[in-house]
């Protein structure tokens, strides 16, 4: 069965990201403004290299982070599937843009019984869906669900800082709340054209799609808010220039700062309404959740977070239903 009800229903089957990254030879620095200065310096230093070769020790730690996440998920009965690695041909096809196979949340997403391939804005992520296609063939095609792809983005002029008209639509911007779907738009990832395409498609299934404007230094919507259970969320209110989305007006909010959001404080992962995974760096949030009856599991995810993503970014549910 393929179905995602909302962000905190019981997680039963999930795709867990691989750990591959190839540094671009040409750097678009302003697009990476959501990263820490140390990450930017690392990107500048290792142009054209594979992360595995540039940082073999960190590569092992990075892979171990994902292994530990898999172990925790399996402890709670979650079926975990993993994408294959990029082929040499896929890496070569990336050219100077670099390549990525590291945050499976973004290249596709699941809403209800619809599996949707996204349309990535960053050039190094345009092929990131390819390692997931085997999972699609083996685990999605046989199921009673829809499987579609967002239209491919238009080719932009070389000097176009926007990277073109898109459409851009990335899973980190997509928050599922039963029959309501929120799509973030900061200018770094999903855009209005992508949200409009999703509105047109999902509207046929009775979903309401609402675009949410984000602070321009926030990559995705899940870097600004995280839902724990119905009525409880972690949120950086400063990341929402138009205010917190109205659907959450009566929710209890655990607030974090923009600095916290930059290091992915909101990007934990609910296993269910009772269990939540986060990094020990955010034990302050964990203590508040524990006080509210939520069981908190801690995993050091510092390497993953240095790339600009964390637990939600590293996973994409195929079945999340109570």
Protein backbone atom coordinates (compact mmCIF):
# COMPACT_ATOMS: atom_id res chain seq x y z
CA UNK A 1 0.00 0.00 0.00
CA UNK A 2 1.16 3.52 -0.84
CA UNK A 3 -0.45 6.29 1.21
CA UNK A 4 0.62 9.33 3.22
CA UNK A 5 -2.11 10.75 5.42
CA UNK A 6 -0.19 13.54 7.15
CA UNK A 7 3.20 14.33 8.70
CA UNK A 8 2.73 12.50 12.00
CA UNK A 9 0.58 9.45 11.25
CA UNK A 10 2.32 6.13 11.96
CA UNK A 11 5.31 5.68 9.67
CA UNK A 12 5.23 2.16 8.18
CA UNK A 13 7.37 2.27 5.04
CA UNK A 14 10.03 4.81 4.16
CA UNK A 15 12.85 5.45 1.71
CA UNK A 16 16.08 6.38 3.53
CA UNK A 17 18.68 8.41 1.65
CA UNK A 18 22.08 7.31 0.43
CA UNK A 19 25.19 9.36 1.25
CA UNK A 20 26.71 10.66 -1.99
CA UNK A 21 27.80 14.13 -2.99
CA UNK A 22 30.01 15.52 -5.75
CA UNK A 23 31.27 19.09 -5.43
CA UNK A 24 30.49 21.36 -8.37
CA UNK A 25 33.34 22.92 -10.33
CA UNK A 26 31.31 26.10 -10.79
CA UNK A 27 29.92 27.60 -7.59
CA UNK A 28 26.76 29.71 -7.40
CA UNK A 29 27.44 31.12 -3.95
CA UNK A 30 24.24 33.11 -3.43
CA UNK A 31 22.13 30.00 -3.96
CA UNK A 32 23.94 28.35 -1.06
CA UNK A 33 23.31 31.12 1.43
CA UNK A 34 21.29 28.73 3.61
CA UNK A 35 24.49 26.81 4.45
CA UNK A 36 26.88 27.53 7.30
CA UNK A 37 30.08 29.43 6.47
CA UNK A 38 32.16 26.30 7.20
CA UNK A 39 30.19 24.33 4.60
CA UNK A 40 30.63 27.09 2.03
CA UNK A 41 34.39 27.12 2.64
CA UNK A 42 34.49 23.34 2.21
CA UNK A 43 32.63 23.56 -1.12
CA UNK A 44 35.05 26.19 -2.37
CA UNK A 45 38.08 24.15 -1.32
CA UNK A 46 37.06 20.84 -2.92
CA UNK A 47 35.64 21.85 -6.30
CA UNK A 48 35.13 18.89 -8.62
CA UNK A 49 35.86 16.21 -6.01
CA UNK A 50 33.70 13.45 -4.59
CA UNK A 51 33.00 13.92 -0.87
CA UNK A 52 34.14 10.34 -0.30
CA UNK A 53 37.62 11.24 -1.59
CA UNK A 54 37.79 14.67 0.03
CA UNK A 55 36.69 13.47 3.48
CA UNK A 56 36.97 9.66 3.86
CA UNK A 57 36.54 9.78 7.66
CA UNK A 58 33.51 12.06 7.47
CA UNK A 59 32.08 9.88 4.71
CA UNK A 60 32.14 6.89 7.06
CA UNK A 61 30.50 8.93 9.81
CA UNK A 62 27.89 10.19 7.36
CA UNK A 63 26.99 6.66 6.30
CA UNK A 64 26.88 5.61 9.95
CA UNK A 65 24.38 8.39 10.71
CA UNK A 66 21.97 6.94 8.17
CA UNK A 67 22.62 3.39 9.43
CA UNK A 68 21.75 4.47 12.97
CA UNK A 69 18.59 6.14 11.70
CA UNK A 70 17.62 2.92 9.93
CA UNK A 71 18.15 0.96 13.13
CA UNK A 72 15.93 3.29 15.14
CA UNK A 73 13.20 3.19 12.49
CA UNK A 74 13.30 -0.60 12.33
CA UNK A 75 13.09 -0.75 16.12
CA UNK A 76 9.62 0.78 15.74
CA UNK A 77 8.59 -1.61 12.99
CA UNK A 78 9.19 0.70 10.03
CA UNK A 79 10.13 -0.97 6.73
CA UNK A 80 13.17 0.84 5.33
CA UNK A 81 14.23 0.77 1.68
CA UNK A 82 17.38 2.38 0.32
CA UNK A 83 18.17 3.91 -3.10
CA UNK A 84 21.02 2.54 -5.17
CA UNK A 85 24.20 4.55 -5.64
CA UNK A 86 24.77 6.82 -8.62
CA UNK A 87 26.44 5.17 -11.59
CA UNK A 88 29.67 6.47 -13.10
CA UNK A 89 27.67 7.50 -16.18
CA UNK A 90 25.26 9.54 -14.04
CA UNK A 91 28.14 11.27 -12.26
CA UNK A 92 29.84 12.03 -15.58
CA UNK A 93 26.61 13.43 -17.04
CA UNK A 94 26.52 16.01 -14.24
CA UNK A 95 29.61 17.71 -15.69
CA UNK A 96 30.66 20.87 -13.87
CA UNK A 97 27.40 21.06 -11.90
CA UNK A 98 28.28 18.35 -9.40
CA UNK A 99 25.90 15.60 -8.25
CA UNK A 100 23.89 14.55 -5.24
CA UNK A 101 22.20 11.46 -3.88
CA UNK A 102 21.81 12.56 -0.29
CA UNK A 103 18.36 13.93 0.62
CA UNK A 104 15.62 11.72 -0.76
CA UNK A 105 12.88 13.97 0.61
CA UNK A 106 13.19 16.40 -2.27
CA UNK A 107 13.32 14.57 -5.63
CA UNK A 108 9.95 12.91 -5.01
CA UNK A 109 7.14 13.02 -2.47
CA UNK A 110 3.93 11.21 -1.53
CA UNK A 111 0.52 12.82 -0.98
CA UNK A 112 -2.32 10.42 -0.23
CA UNK A 113 -1.92 7.64 -2.81
CA UNK A 114 -0.08 9.86 -5.29
CA UNK A 115 3.68 9.45 -5.73
CA UNK A 116 5.06 12.51 -7.48
CA UNK A 117 8.53 13.07 -8.85
CA UNK A 118 9.58 16.66 -8.15
CA UNK A 119 11.43 19.16 -10.28
CA UNK A 120 14.66 20.32 -8.64
CA UNK A 121 15.99 23.85 -8.90
CA UNK A 122 19.67 23.34 -8.03
CA UNK A 123 21.64 22.02 -10.98
CA UNK A 124 23.57 19.44 -8.95
CA UNK A 125 20.27 17.89 -7.84
CA UNK A 126 18.48 17.66 -11.19
CA UNK A 127 19.25 13.92 -11.53
CA UNK A 128 18.79 12.98 -7.90
CA UNK A 129 15.59 11.08 -8.58
CA UNK A 130 17.39 8.53 -10.78
CA UNK A 131 18.69 6.27 -7.95
CA UNK A 132 15.10 6.09 -6.65
CA UNK A 133 13.67 4.77 -9.92
CA UNK A 134 14.47 1.16 -9.00
CA UNK A 135 12.34 1.58 -5.88
CA UNK A 136 9.57 3.03 -8.05
CA UNK A 137 9.65 0.04 -10.40
CA UNK A 138 9.72 -2.54 -7.63
CA UNK A 139 7.65 -0.87 -4.91
CA UNK A 140 5.37 1.69 -6.55
CA UNK A 141 4.42 0.36 -10.00
CA UNK A 142 2.78 -2.82 -8.57
CA UNK A 143 0.67 -0.86 -6.07
CA UNK A 144 -2.78 0.69 -6.51
CA UNK A 145 -1.59 4.29 -6.61
CA UNK A 146 -0.82 7.14 -8.97
CA UNK A 147 2.74 7.82 -10.11
CA UNK A 148 3.41 11.03 -12.02
CA UNK A 149 6.22 13.54 -12.53
CA UNK A 150 6.26 17.32 -12.30
CA UNK A 151 7.11 18.86 -15.71
CA UNK A 152 10.86 19.20 -16.31
CA UNK A 153 12.19 22.72 -15.68
CA UNK A 154 12.86 25.03 -18.58
CA UNK A 155 16.47 25.64 -19.63
CA UNK A 156 17.60 28.98 -18.22
CA UNK A 157 19.97 31.48 -19.78
CA UNK A 158 23.53 31.13 -18.40
CA UNK A 159 23.32 34.46 -16.56
CA UNK A 160 19.82 33.94 -15.12
CA UNK A 161 20.20 33.91 -11.31
CA UNK A 162 16.71 32.45 -10.89
CA UNK A 163 17.70 29.32 -12.90
CA UNK A 164 14.62 29.89 -15.04
CA UNK A 165 10.88 29.68 -14.76
CA UNK A 166 10.83 26.10 -13.57
CA UNK A 167 8.43 24.72 -12.62
CA UNK A 168 10.33 23.88 -9.42
CA UNK A 169 8.71 21.63 -6.84
CA UNK A 170 10.71 19.92 -4.07
CA UNK A 171 9.53 17.56 -1.36
CA UNK A 172 11.14 19.54 1.46
CA UNK A 173 8.65 22.30 0.69
CA UNK A 174 5.66 19.94 0.68
CA UNK A 175 3.83 19.48 3.99
CA UNK A 176 0.84 17.12 3.96
CA UNK A 177 -2.00 17.87 6.37
CA UNK A 178 -4.73 15.40 5.43
CA UNK A 179 -6.62 17.15 2.60
CA UNK A 180 -4.48 20.31 2.78
CA UNK A 181 -1.00 20.55 1.25
CA UNK A 182 1.37 23.42 1.98
CA UNK A 183 4.14 24.34 -0.48
CA UNK A 184 6.97 26.60 0.70
CA UNK A 185 8.53 29.24 -1.55
CA UNK A 186 11.69 31.09 -0.51
CA UNK A 187 13.16 31.59 -3.97
CA UNK A 188 15.74 28.85 -3.40
CA UNK A 189 13.66 25.76 -4.24
CA UNK A 190 9.94 25.37 -5.09
CA UNK A 191 8.30 28.28 -6.91
CA UNK A 192 4.82 29.53 -7.69
CA UNK A 193 4.69 27.66 -11.00
CA UNK A 194 5.46 24.40 -9.23
CA UNK A 195 2.79 25.07 -6.60
CA UNK A 196 0.27 25.88 -9.32
CA UNK A 197 1.01 22.61 -11.12
CA UNK A 198 0.52 20.69 -7.86
CA UNK A 199 -2.73 22.58 -7.19
CA UNK A 200 -4.04 21.63 -10.61
CA UNK A 201 -3.13 17.97 -10.22
CA UNK A 202 -4.05 17.33 -6.58
CA UNK A 203 -7.22 19.42 -6.83
CA UNK A 204 -8.74 16.60 -8.87
CA UNK A 205 -8.39 14.38 -5.80
CA UNK A 206 -10.02 16.86 -3.41
CA UNK A 207 -6.82 18.38 -1.99
CA UNK A 208 -6.35 22.08 -1.30
CA UNK A 209 -2.82 23.32 -2.11
CA UNK A 210 -1.62 26.53 -0.47
CA UNK A 211 1.70 28.27 -1.19
CA UNK A 212 3.57 29.64 1.84
CA UNK A 213 6.12 32.43 1.44
CA UNK A 214 9.40 31.87 3.31
CA UNK A 215 12.34 34.00 4.39
CA UNK A 216 14.84 34.09 1.49
CA UNK A 217 17.56 32.39 3.57
CA UNK A 218 15.40 29.33 4.29
CA UNK A 219 15.81 26.49 1.81
CA UNK A 220 12.59 24.52 2.39
CA UNK A 221 9.40 24.71 4.41
CA UNK A 222 10.53 21.81 6.61
CA UNK A 223 13.56 23.91 7.61
CA UNK A 224 11.12 26.37 9.21
CA UNK A 225 8.50 24.13 10.80
CA UNK A 226 8.08 20.54 11.93
CA UNK A 227 4.85 18.86 12.98
CA UNK A 228 5.07 16.58 16.02
CA UNK A 229 1.47 15.49 16.38
CA UNK A 230 -1.92 17.08 15.83
CA UNK A 231 -1.88 20.42 17.64
CA UNK A 232 1.86 20.52 18.42
CA UNK A 233 4.69 21.84 16.27
CA UNK A 234 8.25 23.18 16.29
CA UNK A 235 8.47 26.41 14.32
CA UNK A 236 10.66 29.38 13.48
CA UNK A 237 8.07 32.14 13.24
CA UNK A 238 10.63 34.63 11.89
CA UNK A 239 10.86 32.47 8.76
CA UNK A 240 7.31 33.39 7.72
CA UNK A 241 7.06 36.98 6.42
CA UNK A 242 3.28 36.66 6.07
CA UNK A 243 2.84 35.03 9.46
CA UNK A 244 2.34 31.42 10.47
CA UNK A 245 0.01 29.58 8.05
CA UNK A 246 -3.60 29.93 9.19
CA UNK A 247 -4.09 26.17 9.42
CA UNK A 248 -1.79 26.19 12.47
CA UNK A 249 -3.29 29.20 14.27
CA UNK A 250 -4.59 27.14 17.21
CA UNK A 251 -1.57 24.83 17.49
CA UNK A 252 0.82 24.83 20.42
CA UNK A 253 4.17 26.10 19.19
CA UNK A 254 7.68 25.33 20.40
CA UNK A 255 9.57 28.29 18.97
CA UNK A 256 13.11 28.36 17.63
CA UNK A 257 15.27 31.19 16.29
CA UNK A 258 16.47 31.77 12.75
CA UNK A 259 19.90 30.57 13.88
CA UNK A 260 18.30 27.36 15.14
CA UNK A 261 16.44 26.95 11.85
CA UNK A 262 19.71 27.33 9.94
CA UNK A 263 21.12 24.28 11.72
CA UNK A 264 17.89 22.30 11.12
CA UNK A 265 16.23 22.46 14.53
CA UNK A 266 12.76 21.93 13.01
CA UNK A 267 13.81 19.04 10.75
CA UNK A 268 13.21 16.11 13.05
CA UNK A 269 11.14 13.08 12.12
CA UNK A 270 7.96 11.82 13.78
CA UNK A 271 7.76 8.03 13.74
CA UNK A 272 4.22 8.45 15.04
CA UNK A 273 2.34 10.92 17.22
CA UNK A 274 4.13 9.37 20.21
CA UNK A 275 7.76 9.09 18.97
CA UNK A 276 10.02 11.77 17.51
CA UNK A 277 13.62 11.61 16.26
CA UNK A 278 15.97 14.58 16.57
CA UNK A 279 19.64 15.46 17.06
CA UNK A 280 21.10 15.80 20.59
CA UNK A 281 22.04 19.35 19.54
CA UNK A 282 18.35 20.09 20.02
CA UNK A 283 17.90 18.52 23.43
CA UNK A 284 16.14 21.72 24.54
CA UNK A 285 13.36 20.88 22.11
CA UNK A 286 13.53 17.22 23.13
CA UNK A 287 13.01 18.08 26.79
CA UNK A 288 9.93 20.13 25.94
CA UNK A 289 8.53 17.25 23.89
CA UNK A 290 9.24 14.74 26.66
CA UNK A 291 7.36 17.00 29.06
CA UNK A 292 4.40 16.76 26.68
CA UNK A 293 4.44 12.97 26.60
CA UNK A 294 6.42 12.44 23.40
CA UNK A 295 9.18 9.82 23.42
CA UNK A 296 12.33 11.34 21.90
CA UNK A 297 15.06 9.35 20.15
CA UNK A 298 18.42 11.12 19.66
CA UNK A 299 20.88 10.50 16.82
CA UNK A 300 23.93 12.63 16.10
CA UNK A 301 23.29 13.87 12.56
CA UNK A 302 25.97 16.57 12.38
CA UNK A 303 27.45 15.44 9.04
CA UNK A 304 24.06 15.28 7.37
CA UNK A 305 23.18 18.68 8.79
CA UNK A 306 26.36 20.20 7.35
CA UNK A 307 24.83 19.63 3.89
CA UNK A 308 21.71 21.62 4.80
CA UNK A 309 19.34 18.77 5.68
CA UNK A 310 18.49 16.46 8.55
CA UNK A 311 16.07 13.68 9.48
CA UNK A 312 13.03 14.67 7.44
CA UNK A 313 15.24 15.56 4.49
CA UNK A 314 16.86 12.11 4.66
CA UNK A 315 13.57 10.21 4.43
CA UNK A 316 10.54 9.99 2.17
CA UNK A 317 7.51 8.01 3.36
CA UNK A 318 5.65 5.62 1.11
CA UNK A 319 3.22 4.57 3.83
CA UNK A 320 2.29 6.84 6.73
CA UNK A 321 -1.19 6.08 8.01
CA UNK A 322 -2.88 5.50 11.37
